[in-house]
Protein backbone atom coordinates (compact mmCIF):
# COMPACT_ATOMS: atom_id res chain seq x y z
CA MET A 1 22.02 1.77 24.89
CA LYS A 2 24.00 0.06 22.14
CA ILE A 3 23.20 0.80 18.52
CA LEU A 4 24.51 -1.26 15.62
CA VAL A 5 24.79 0.63 12.34
CA ALA A 6 24.98 -2.35 10.01
CA ASP A 7 24.86 -0.48 6.68
CA LYS A 8 26.51 2.80 5.75
CA ILE A 9 24.14 5.70 6.39
CA SER A 10 24.81 9.43 6.35
CA PRO A 11 27.73 10.38 8.62
CA LYS A 12 25.45 13.06 10.07
CA GLY A 13 23.05 10.34 11.18
CA VAL A 14 25.84 8.40 12.88
CA ALA A 15 27.12 11.60 14.51
CA TYR A 16 23.61 12.35 15.82
CA LEU A 17 23.47 8.95 17.51
CA ARG A 18 26.94 9.38 19.03
CA GLN A 19 25.88 12.72 20.53
CA GLN A 20 23.10 11.12 22.59
CA PRO A 21 24.05 10.57 26.26
CA GLY A 22 24.45 6.90 27.11
CA PHE A 23 24.56 5.70 23.51
CA GLU A 24 27.30 3.37 22.26
CA VAL A 25 27.44 3.23 18.46
CA VAL A 26 29.04 0.32 16.60
CA GLU A 27 29.62 0.73 12.85
CA ALA A 28 29.90 -2.64 11.12
CA TYR A 29 29.48 -2.06 7.40
CA GLY A 30 29.70 -5.08 5.12
CA SER A 31 29.56 -7.65 7.91
CA SER A 32 28.76 -11.26 7.02
CA PRO A 33 25.50 -12.80 8.27
CA GLU A 34 27.53 -14.79 10.80
CA LYS A 35 29.20 -11.63 12.10
CA ILE A 36 25.83 -9.86 12.39
CA LEU A 37 24.50 -12.71 14.55
CA GLU A 38 27.47 -12.22 16.84
CA LEU A 39 27.20 -8.43 16.99
CA VAL A 40 23.48 -8.25 17.84
CA LYS A 41 23.71 -10.20 21.09
CA ASP A 42 23.72 -7.04 23.23
CA VAL A 43 22.32 -4.32 20.95
CA HIS A 44 19.17 -2.28 21.60
CA ALA A 45 18.79 -0.93 18.06
CA ILE A 46 19.91 -1.72 14.52
CA ALA A 47 20.12 0.75 11.64
CA VAL A 48 20.19 -0.67 8.11
CA ARG A 49 19.69 0.34 4.51
CA SER A 50 19.02 -2.54 2.11
CA GLU A 51 22.20 -4.62 2.24
CA THR A 52 22.01 -6.30 5.64
CA LYS A 53 19.25 -8.87 6.14
CA ILE A 54 17.53 -8.70 9.52
CA THR A 55 16.16 -12.23 9.56
CA ARG A 56 14.23 -14.10 12.23
CA ALA A 57 17.54 -15.63 13.32
CA VAL A 58 19.04 -12.17 13.82
CA ILE A 59 16.04 -10.99 15.83
CA GLU A 60 16.04 -14.12 17.98
CA ALA A 61 19.77 -13.63 18.62
CA ALA A 62 19.15 -10.10 19.97
CA PRO A 63 17.28 -10.36 23.30
CA LEU A 64 17.71 -6.64 24.06
CA LEU A 65 16.59 -5.42 20.64
CA LYS A 66 13.89 -2.74 20.73
CA VAL A 67 13.94 -1.25 17.25
CA VAL A 68 15.15 -1.82 13.70
CA GLY A 69 15.43 1.38 11.67
CA ARG A 70 15.49 1.23 7.88
CA ALA A 71 17.02 4.24 6.14
CA GLY A 72 14.65 4.09 3.18
CA VAL A 73 11.14 3.00 2.33
CA GLY A 74 11.05 -0.74 1.69
CA VAL A 75 11.58 -3.20 4.52
CA ASP A 76 11.99 -6.32 2.38
CA ASN A 77 15.29 -7.04 4.13
CA VAL A 78 13.63 -7.08 7.56
CA ASP A 79 11.48 -9.95 8.86
CA VAL A 80 8.68 -7.71 10.11
CA ASP A 81 6.54 -10.62 11.33
CA ALA A 82 9.38 -11.97 13.46
CA ALA A 83 10.05 -8.50 14.81
CA THR A 84 6.41 -7.99 15.74
CA GLU A 85 6.25 -11.32 17.50
CA ARG A 86 9.22 -10.27 19.63
CA GLY A 87 7.85 -6.79 20.32
CA VAL A 88 10.53 -5.14 18.17
CA ILE A 89 9.45 -1.95 16.39
CA VAL A 90 10.40 -1.71 12.72
CA MET A 91 10.63 1.83 11.36
CA ASN A 92 11.28 3.22 7.91
CA THR A 93 11.68 6.71 6.44
CA PRO A 94 8.94 6.94 3.79
CA ALA A 95 9.23 10.65 3.04
CA GLY A 96 12.99 10.86 2.62
CA ASN A 97 13.14 9.90 -1.06
CA THR A 98 9.99 11.69 -2.24
CA ILE A 99 11.72 14.55 -4.04
CA SER A 100 14.52 12.40 -5.48
CA THR A 101 12.02 9.94 -6.96
CA ALA A 102 9.81 12.71 -8.33
CA GLU A 103 12.83 14.38 -9.94
CA LEU A 104 14.08 11.13 -11.50
CA THR A 105 10.57 10.53 -12.82
CA PHE A 106 10.60 13.90 -14.48
CA THR A 107 14.09 13.28 -15.82
CA HIS A 108 12.71 10.21 -17.57
CA ILE A 109 9.75 12.24 -18.85
CA LEU A 110 12.16 14.77 -20.36
CA CYS A 111 14.21 11.95 -21.88
CA CYS A 112 11.01 10.61 -23.43
CA ALA A 113 10.32 14.03 -24.96
CA ARG A 114 13.86 14.70 -26.15
CA PRO A 115 16.27 11.86 -27.09
CA ILE A 116 18.96 13.08 -24.68
CA ALA A 117 20.47 9.67 -23.88
CA GLN A 118 20.54 8.68 -27.56
CA GLY A 119 22.11 12.01 -28.51
CA ALA A 120 24.82 11.66 -25.88
CA ALA A 121 25.61 8.13 -27.05
CA SER A 122 25.81 9.16 -30.71
CA MET A 123 28.08 12.11 -29.89
CA LYS A 124 30.48 9.87 -28.00
CA ALA A 125 30.45 7.54 -30.98
CA GLY A 126 31.66 10.41 -33.18
CA SER A 127 28.36 11.25 -34.89
CA TRP A 128 26.56 14.55 -35.43
CA ASP A 129 23.08 13.20 -36.05
CA ARG A 130 20.69 16.13 -35.62
CA LYS A 131 18.02 15.01 -38.08
CA THR A 132 17.10 11.76 -36.34
CA LEU A 133 17.17 13.25 -32.85
CA SER A 134 14.24 15.63 -32.98
CA GLY A 135 11.81 15.63 -30.09
CA VAL A 136 8.60 17.21 -28.84
CA GLU A 137 7.67 19.88 -26.31
CA LEU A 138 5.91 19.24 -23.00
CA LEU A 139 3.89 22.47 -23.16
CA ARG A 140 0.14 21.85 -23.45
CA LYS A 141 0.60 18.07 -23.45
CA ASN A 142 -1.51 15.81 -21.22
CA ILE A 143 0.29 13.83 -18.56
CA GLY A 144 -1.56 10.96 -16.87
CA ILE A 145 -0.41 10.26 -13.32
CA ILE A 146 -1.57 6.95 -11.89
CA GLY A 147 -1.45 7.33 -8.10
CA LEU A 148 -1.57 10.74 -6.41
CA GLY A 149 0.30 9.97 -3.21
CA ARG A 150 3.43 11.75 -1.98
CA ILE A 151 5.50 11.18 -5.09
CA GLY A 152 2.70 11.43 -7.64
CA SER A 153 1.69 14.78 -6.14
CA GLU A 154 5.23 16.12 -6.52
CA VAL A 155 5.35 14.95 -10.15
CA ALA A 156 2.06 16.79 -10.74
CA LYS A 157 3.57 20.04 -9.45
CA ARG A 158 6.53 19.73 -11.81
CA ALA A 159 4.32 18.87 -14.77
CA GLN A 160 2.17 21.94 -14.12
CA ALA A 161 5.32 24.07 -14.01
CA PHE A 162 6.06 22.85 -17.55
CA GLY A 163 2.58 23.87 -18.70
CA MET A 164 1.20 20.35 -18.88
CA LYS A 165 -2.38 19.36 -18.12
CA VAL A 166 -2.53 16.71 -15.39
CA LEU A 167 -4.99 13.83 -15.65
CA ALA A 168 -5.04 11.82 -12.43
CA TYR A 169 -6.25 8.32 -11.71
CA ASP A 170 -6.38 7.42 -8.04
CA PRO A 171 -9.47 5.54 -6.85
CA TYR A 172 -9.04 6.98 -3.37
CA LEU A 173 -8.58 10.63 -4.35
CA THR A 174 -11.58 12.76 -3.40
CA PRO A 175 -12.91 15.55 -5.67
CA ALA A 176 -11.97 18.17 -3.05
CA ARG A 177 -8.35 17.00 -2.98
CA ALA A 178 -8.18 16.85 -6.79
CA SER A 179 -9.53 20.39 -7.02
CA ALA A 180 -7.00 21.66 -4.49
CA MET A 181 -4.17 20.10 -6.52
CA GLN A 182 -5.60 21.50 -9.77
CA VAL A 183 -5.67 18.10 -11.44
CA GLU A 184 -8.49 16.43 -13.37
CA SER A 185 -9.58 13.19 -11.69
CA VAL A 186 -10.53 10.65 -14.37
CA SER A 187 -11.08 6.92 -14.79
CA LEU A 188 -8.15 4.72 -15.75
CA ASP A 189 -9.54 4.18 -19.24
CA ALA A 190 -9.97 7.94 -19.71
CA LEU A 191 -6.41 8.54 -18.55
CA LEU A 192 -5.03 5.91 -20.92
CA ALA A 193 -6.94 7.33 -23.87
CA GLY A 194 -6.25 10.99 -23.15
CA SER A 195 -2.61 11.09 -22.07
CA ASP A 196 0.46 11.94 -24.11
CA TYR A 197 2.65 10.86 -21.17
CA ILE A 198 1.84 8.32 -18.46
CA THR A 199 3.72 7.78 -15.18
CA VAL A 200 2.79 5.29 -12.44
CA HIS A 201 3.13 5.88 -8.72
CA MET A 202 1.22 3.04 -7.09
CA PRO A 203 2.34 0.26 -4.74
CA LEU A 204 2.64 -3.21 -6.26
CA THR A 205 -0.47 -5.09 -5.14
CA ASP A 206 -2.76 -7.73 -6.59
CA GLU A 207 -4.79 -4.90 -8.13
CA THR A 208 -1.83 -3.03 -9.65
CA ASN A 209 0.24 -6.01 -10.80
CA ASN A 210 0.33 -5.83 -14.64
CA MET A 211 -2.04 -2.85 -14.51
CA ILE A 212 -0.43 -1.57 -17.71
CA ASP A 213 -0.63 -4.65 -19.92
CA GLU A 214 -1.23 -5.27 -23.62
CA ALA A 215 -4.92 -4.36 -23.36
CA ALA A 216 -4.18 -1.14 -21.48
CA LEU A 217 -1.49 -0.09 -23.94
CA ALA A 218 -3.91 -0.66 -26.83
CA LYS A 219 -6.24 1.95 -25.29
CA CYS A 220 -3.51 4.60 -25.33
CA LYS A 221 -2.76 7.21 -27.95
CA LYS A 222 -0.35 5.92 -30.56
CA GLY A 223 3.11 7.14 -29.61
CA VAL A 224 2.34 7.59 -25.90
CA ARG A 225 5.38 7.98 -23.61
CA ILE A 226 5.43 5.83 -20.44
CA VAL A 227 7.54 6.07 -17.26
CA ASN A 228 7.79 3.80 -14.20
CA CYS A 229 9.91 4.76 -11.20
CA ALA A 230 7.53 3.13 -8.69
CA ARG A 231 7.57 -0.68 -8.58
CA GLY A 232 8.51 -3.29 -11.14
CA GLY A 233 5.56 -5.38 -12.25
CA ILE A 234 3.02 -2.57 -12.58
CA ILE A 235 3.89 -2.36 -16.28
CA ASN A 236 4.04 -5.67 -18.12
CA GLU A 237 7.51 -5.71 -19.62
CA LYS A 238 6.75 -8.02 -22.55
CA ALA A 239 3.76 -5.91 -23.53
CA LEU A 240 5.87 -2.75 -23.27
CA VAL A 241 8.64 -4.17 -25.49
CA ALA A 242 6.08 -5.18 -28.13
CA ALA A 243 4.44 -1.74 -28.00
CA LEU A 244 7.80 0.01 -28.37
CA LYS A 245 8.65 -2.10 -31.39
CA SER A 246 5.26 -1.44 -33.03
CA GLY A 247 5.35 2.28 -32.27
CA GLN A 248 2.22 2.19 -30.10
CA VAL A 249 4.51 3.43 -27.33
CA GLY A 250 6.78 6.16 -28.63
CA ALA A 251 9.25 6.15 -25.77
CA ALA A 252 9.65 4.79 -22.26
CA GLY A 253 11.72 5.27 -19.14
CA LEU A 254 12.13 2.63 -16.43
CA ASP A 255 13.92 2.62 -13.10
CA VAL A 256 12.28 -0.52 -11.67
CA TYR A 257 11.82 -4.01 -13.08
CA GLU A 258 9.97 -7.26 -12.58
CA THR A 259 13.30 -8.94 -11.78
CA GLU A 260 16.17 -6.99 -10.21
CA PRO A 261 18.96 -6.76 -11.12
CA LEU A 262 17.61 -6.66 -14.66
CA PRO A 263 18.74 -9.88 -16.44
CA LYS A 264 21.43 -9.36 -19.05
CA ASP A 265 19.25 -11.05 -21.67
CA SER A 266 16.17 -8.94 -20.94
CA GLU A 267 14.44 -7.73 -24.10
CA LEU A 268 14.20 -4.29 -22.49
CA ARG A 269 17.93 -3.80 -23.05
CA SER A 270 17.53 -3.95 -26.83
CA ALA A 271 14.09 -2.32 -27.14
CA PRO A 272 13.96 0.92 -29.14
CA ASN A 273 13.42 4.37 -27.62
CA ILE A 274 13.78 3.35 -23.98
CA VAL A 275 15.99 4.74 -21.23
CA LEU A 276 16.84 2.36 -18.39
CA THR A 277 18.29 3.24 -14.99
CA PRO A 278 19.26 0.67 -12.30
CA HIS A 279 16.72 1.51 -9.55
CA ILE A 280 18.41 4.78 -8.58
CA ALA A 281 15.34 6.83 -7.63
CA ALA A 282 16.54 7.28 -4.05
CA SER A 283 20.21 7.53 -4.99
CA THR A 284 20.86 11.21 -4.42
CA ALA A 285 23.16 12.68 -1.83
CA GLU A 286 20.27 14.68 -0.37
CA ALA A 287 17.93 11.68 -0.13
CA GLN A 288 20.54 9.46 1.47
CA GLU A 289 21.50 12.18 3.94
CA THR A 290 17.85 12.83 4.75
CA VAL A 291 16.95 9.19 5.38
CA GLY A 292 20.17 8.65 7.37
CA ILE A 293 19.41 11.56 9.68
CA GLU A 294 15.71 10.64 9.92
CA VAL A 295 16.38 7.03 10.91
CA ALA A 296 18.92 8.15 13.52
CA GLU A 297 16.45 10.62 15.02
CA GLN A 298 13.66 8.04 15.06
CA ILE A 299 15.83 5.44 16.78
CA ALA A 300 16.99 7.96 19.38
CA ASP A 301 13.42 9.13 20.06
CA LEU A 302 12.24 5.59 20.65
CA LEU A 303 15.12 4.62 22.92
CA VAL A 304 15.04 7.84 24.95
CA SER A 305 11.34 8.67 25.24
CA GLY A 306 9.44 5.77 23.71
CA ALA A 307 8.08 7.96 20.90
CA VAL A 308 7.34 6.04 17.72
CA ARG A 309 7.37 7.49 14.20
CA ASN A 310 6.91 5.70 10.90
CA ALA A 311 6.51 2.25 12.41
CA VAL A 312 5.56 -0.43 9.92
CA ASN A 313 4.25 -2.69 12.66
CA LEU A 314 2.22 -1.98 15.78
CA PRO A 315 3.50 0.72 18.13
CA SER A 316 4.65 -0.53 21.51
CA VAL A 317 2.37 -0.28 24.55
CA ASP A 318 2.86 -1.48 28.10
CA ALA A 319 2.21 -5.17 28.72
CA ALA A 320 -1.06 -4.72 30.64
CA THR A 321 -2.57 -2.45 28.01
CA ALA A 322 -1.36 -4.65 25.17
CA LYS A 323 -3.04 -7.68 26.73
CA LEU A 324 -6.32 -5.80 27.19
CA LEU A 325 -6.40 -4.26 23.72
CA ALA A 326 -5.01 -7.14 21.66
CA PRO A 327 -8.34 -8.80 20.71
CA TYR A 328 -9.93 -5.43 19.89
CA ILE A 329 -6.97 -4.37 17.76
CA ASP A 330 -7.23 -7.64 15.83
CA LEU A 331 -10.98 -7.16 15.38
CA GLY A 332 -10.51 -3.52 14.36
CA THR A 333 -7.99 -4.37 11.66
CA LYS A 334 -10.35 -6.95 10.18
CA LEU A 335 -13.37 -4.64 10.29
CA GLY A 336 -11.39 -1.94 8.49
CA THR A 337 -10.24 -4.43 5.85
CA LEU A 338 -13.77 -5.76 5.41
CA VAL A 339 -15.30 -2.31 4.95
CA GLN A 340 -12.64 -1.32 2.43
CA GLN A 341 -13.55 -4.34 0.30
CA ILE A 342 -17.33 -3.82 0.37
CA ALA A 343 -17.21 -0.02 -0.09
CA PRO A 344 -16.53 1.81 -3.36
CA GLN A 345 -12.95 2.84 -4.02
CA GLN A 346 -13.63 6.51 -3.33
CA ILE A 347 -15.14 7.48 0.02
CA ALA A 348 -15.62 10.83 1.75
CA SER A 349 -15.46 9.72 5.37
CA LEU A 350 -14.61 6.81 7.62
CA CYS A 351 -16.64 6.80 10.84
CA ILE A 352 -15.86 4.51 13.78
CA THR A 353 -18.43 4.09 16.56
CA TYR A 354 -17.67 2.46 19.91
CA ALA A 355 -20.64 1.33 21.99
CA GLY A 356 -20.89 -0.43 25.33
CA LYS A 357 -17.97 -0.96 27.73
CA ILE A 358 -15.39 -0.36 25.03
CA ALA A 359 -16.52 3.27 24.81
CA ASP A 360 -14.97 3.82 28.24
CA LEU A 361 -11.52 2.65 27.12
CA ASP A 362 -8.75 4.66 25.49
CA ALA A 363 -9.50 3.31 22.03
CA ASN A 364 -6.81 5.21 20.10
CA ALA A 365 -4.82 2.06 19.34
CA ILE A 366 -8.01 0.33 18.14
CA THR A 367 -8.90 3.33 15.97
CA ARG A 368 -5.46 3.23 14.39
CA SER A 369 -5.81 -0.50 13.76
CA ILE A 370 -9.15 0.08 11.98
CA GLN A 371 -7.67 2.86 9.86
CA ARG A 372 -4.63 0.73 9.06
CA GLY A 373 -6.91 -2.18 8.19
CA TYR A 374 -8.87 0.01 5.80
CA LEU A 375 -5.70 1.28 4.12
CA ARG A 376 -3.50 -1.80 4.05
CA ARG A 377 -4.78 -2.98 0.65
CA ILE A 378 -4.44 0.56 -0.72
CA SER A 379 -0.94 1.56 0.39
CA ASP A 380 2.14 -0.60 0.90
CA SER A 381 3.68 1.80 3.43
CA VAL A 382 0.75 2.41 5.79
CA ASN A 383 1.06 1.64 9.49
CA SER A 384 -0.73 2.39 12.73
CA VAL A 385 1.27 5.58 13.16
CA ASN A 386 0.81 7.16 9.73
CA ALA A 387 -2.69 5.85 8.92
CA PRO A 388 -4.45 9.12 9.93
CA ILE A 389 -2.06 11.12 7.74
CA VAL A 390 -2.66 8.81 4.77
CA LEU A 391 -6.43 9.19 5.22
CA GLN A 392 -6.03 12.96 5.35
CA ARG A 393 -3.91 12.96 2.20
CA LEU A 394 -6.64 10.99 0.44
CA GLY A 395 -9.19 13.59 1.50
CA ILE A 396 -11.04 11.13 3.78
CA ASP A 397 -12.59 12.63 6.89
CA ALA A 398 -11.88 10.37 9.89
CA GLN A 399 -14.48 10.40 12.66
CA VAL A 400 -14.71 8.61 16.01
CA ILE A 401 -17.93 8.41 18.03
CA LYS A 402 -18.28 6.98 21.52
CA SER A 403 -21.93 6.10 21.95
CA SER A 404 -23.83 5.80 25.22
CA ALA A 405 -26.85 4.27 23.49
CA SER A 406 -27.76 0.73 24.42
CA CYS A 407 -26.92 -2.10 22.04
CA ASP A 408 -27.40 -5.85 21.85
CA TYR A 409 -23.78 -6.51 22.82
CA SER A 410 -21.73 -5.54 25.84
CA GLU A 411 -19.16 -4.11 23.42
CA LEU A 412 -19.66 -3.19 19.78
CA ILE A 413 -17.44 -1.59 17.14
CA THR A 414 -19.07 -0.28 13.96
CA VAL A 415 -17.06 0.99 10.98
CA GLU A 416 -18.87 3.01 8.32
CA ALA A 417 -17.48 4.21 4.99
CA VAL A 418 -19.57 6.99 3.46
CA ASP A 419 -19.18 7.71 -0.24
CA PRO A 420 -19.36 11.24 -1.74
CA ILE A 421 -23.12 11.00 -2.34
CA GLY A 422 -23.88 9.77 1.17
CA ALA A 423 -24.26 6.01 0.68
CA VAL A 424 -23.06 4.07 3.74
CA PHE A 425 -21.15 0.78 3.73
CA SER A 426 -20.63 -0.72 7.17
CA ALA A 427 -19.48 -3.64 9.27
CA SER A 428 -19.92 -4.26 12.99
CA GLY A 429 -18.02 -6.60 15.27
CA THR A 430 -17.61 -7.67 18.86
CA ILE A 431 -15.58 -9.97 21.07
CA LEU A 432 -17.36 -13.07 22.33
CA GLY A 433 -16.65 -15.68 24.97
CA LYS A 434 -13.80 -16.39 27.33
CA THR A 435 -11.53 -17.01 24.36
CA ASN A 436 -12.01 -13.41 23.13
CA GLU A 437 -13.09 -14.56 19.68
CA PRO A 438 -13.59 -11.69 17.20
CA ARG A 439 -17.01 -11.95 15.51
CA ILE A 440 -18.61 -10.00 12.69
CA VAL A 441 -22.21 -9.29 13.70
CA GLY A 442 -23.35 -6.85 11.05
CA ILE A 443 -22.71 -6.00 7.40
CA ASN A 444 -24.40 -3.05 5.70
CA GLY A 445 -27.03 -2.87 8.41
CA ARG A 446 -27.91 -6.57 8.20
CA GLU A 447 -27.53 -8.74 11.30
CA VAL A 448 -25.12 -11.60 10.67
CA GLU A 449 -22.82 -13.62 12.86
CA VAL A 450 -19.64 -15.14 11.53
CA SER A 451 -16.09 -15.55 12.80
CA ALA A 452 -13.79 -12.69 11.79
CA GLU A 453 -11.22 -15.06 10.35
CA GLY A 454 -10.00 -16.10 6.93
CA LYS A 455 -12.04 -15.69 3.77
CA LEU A 456 -15.65 -14.60 3.36
CA LEU A 457 -18.11 -14.70 0.50
CA VAL A 458 -20.70 -11.94 0.99
CA LEU A 459 -23.83 -12.37 -1.15
CA GLU A 460 -26.93 -10.21 -1.53
CA ASN A 461 -29.68 -12.19 -3.16
CA VAL A 462 -33.40 -12.43 -3.79
CA ASP A 463 -35.04 -14.18 -0.82
CA GLN A 464 -36.34 -17.27 -2.56
CA PRO A 465 -36.20 -21.03 -1.93
CA GLY A 466 -33.10 -22.93 -3.01
CA MET A 467 -30.52 -20.14 -2.73
CA VAL A 468 -28.53 -21.77 0.07
CA GLY A 469 -28.48 -25.07 -1.80
CA ALA A 470 -27.51 -23.42 -5.08
CA VAL A 471 -24.59 -21.59 -3.51
CA GLY A 472 -23.48 -24.65 -1.55
CA THR A 473 -23.64 -26.87 -4.63
CA LEU A 474 -21.67 -24.40 -6.73
CA LEU A 475 -18.95 -24.07 -4.10
CA GLY A 476 -18.84 -27.81 -3.61
CA LYS A 477 -18.31 -28.41 -7.33
CA ASP A 478 -15.52 -25.84 -7.17
CA GLY A 479 -13.81 -27.69 -4.32
CA VAL A 480 -14.49 -24.88 -1.83
CA ASN A 481 -15.27 -26.05 1.70
CA ILE A 482 -17.73 -24.01 3.77
CA ALA A 483 -16.53 -23.39 7.31
CA ASP A 484 -19.40 -21.23 8.52
CA MET A 485 -22.52 -19.53 7.19
CA SER A 486 -24.86 -16.76 8.36
CA LEU A 487 -28.18 -15.76 6.79
CA SER A 488 -30.05 -12.49 7.21
CA ARG A 489 -33.17 -10.85 5.76
CA LEU A 490 -35.36 -7.90 6.64
CA THR A 491 -38.71 -9.26 5.43
CA PRO A 492 -39.71 -12.52 3.69
CA GLY A 493 -39.40 -12.30 -0.07
CA SER A 494 -37.18 -9.20 -0.07
CA THR A 495 -33.42 -9.27 -0.46
CA ALA A 496 -31.34 -11.43 1.86
CA TYR A 497 -27.72 -11.53 2.92
CA MET A 498 -25.66 -14.69 2.95
CA VAL A 499 -22.20 -14.55 4.53
CA VAL A 500 -20.20 -17.71 3.87
CA ARG A 501 -16.83 -18.31 5.50
CA VAL A 502 -14.78 -20.57 3.24
CA ASP A 503 -11.52 -22.44 3.61
CA ASN A 504 -10.19 -21.50 0.20
CA GLU A 505 -10.80 -18.94 -2.49
CA PRO A 506 -13.44 -19.74 -5.12
CA SER A 507 -12.12 -19.91 -8.66
CA GLU A 508 -12.71 -17.07 -11.09
CA ALA A 509 -15.14 -19.30 -12.97
CA ALA A 510 -17.14 -19.98 -9.80
CA ARG A 511 -17.26 -16.28 -8.92
CA THR A 512 -18.40 -15.43 -12.43
CA GLU A 513 -21.16 -18.04 -12.20
CA LEU A 514 -22.31 -16.54 -8.90
CA LYS A 515 -22.42 -13.04 -10.34
CA ASN A 516 -24.28 -14.25 -13.42
CA ASN A 517 -27.04 -15.83 -11.31
CA SER A 518 -30.05 -13.55 -11.81
CA ALA A 519 -31.14 -14.03 -8.19
CA ILE A 520 -27.80 -12.79 -6.84
CA LYS A 521 -27.64 -9.00 -6.77
CA GLN A 522 -24.11 -8.74 -5.47
CA ALA A 523 -21.26 -11.13 -4.71
CA LYS A 524 -18.01 -10.08 -3.08
CA PHE A 525 -15.09 -12.23 -1.99
CA ILE A 526 -13.46 -10.78 1.11
CA GLN A 527 -10.03 -11.62 2.51
CA LEU A 528 -9.59 -10.69 6.15
């Protein structure tokens, strides 16, 4: 087995690979893209950090390639789609930089409390400016942590050690988990209004992009301190600069930015009371050694025994099993994604029921695909391998039931999300026809039938004449083409379900008009 170490990782990681019988290790740090294409022709594994780009061309030039290991969290430099198409596993090391990021976050928090950076700069400039460099204590202050995942949880521990009260906003954090961590779970608005310090630890998604904007900052205490060592774009930089200048934000610390490297003319560079670091959260000797050793161990495990850890794409299975499970895995992912979008943000359990012939199969890969589908809009590092762990960390009880009861389909998968008070939100699906087409056949207990593809508009409305026409006319005026539609009701005149598969996303104005229609009780746009 030949392993190409394309970027410099911990020498201990390289030594570990060299110690494996039958392994040939090639170190090629700083190679040009052309040289990489030449080197990968006979390699079985590639280890990278962030410098080398593993493009589709690189993957296609490596016919023997089995795995790409990223010593770090993000895989932006790896074409994951191309790797998946070629059956190449892409792994990362998500836990390796947890402590280093948490510690840098708290360093920024301390710098927000005490003007350490400003004091150091003034001393080097020859000043002795004690009067203007006073600070505040952390004891008995409220810290708002947005996102209680691995890193947010570690920040909470450190804040508690300083005697701070932790307010936590995480839509997926259960009360039991919050109680165990001794944090107070609150709404985002309550966190903004009640915190003396705010730190964000969320992935950058459509929901979190510009989460802390001008309106959010206006809800904060005057003089609030804000830190971001997670992802650039969560905090709106223009709004932050304005708030620093006005004094609404008393101090800030950033390690990540909307554009990296940070432009030389960025207003952040001249904003008052802000400490900037150049995305160094993972830049500690311990973190780099940890991720280097971890990626080496993961690559060796895969090549020697086929064991997969921290894969960001589907784990490998033998060809026969992959062919059999492929349509169910696709359906499972979409059912999980659908349920996550119709359920409330906080759920207590996720129950998967297999009925019919599928109950006789080893459905573990399908279960993982459902869990990954549920989580993929919540976490940017979830995969089929770590999905159960992520659910557990969120306090969500994962259940699998194989039912022998008869059903209307030869094979049926039902996914149910149960909220803390027992309300159930569900979707059912099956595979139809010789083409193995995934179909959604039930939503929240209502019988529907629509292709599990693309974009869906799910409406609950009063069962009255003209509803189909009204919805169709509104979408038509909005330039939205209807690809498919399914109607369902329990009894005439009660509430009805309308599931509309559309070719493009309705505008915000069209969605608002739908929601404002008195006959429409609920309208959700779902992206599968």
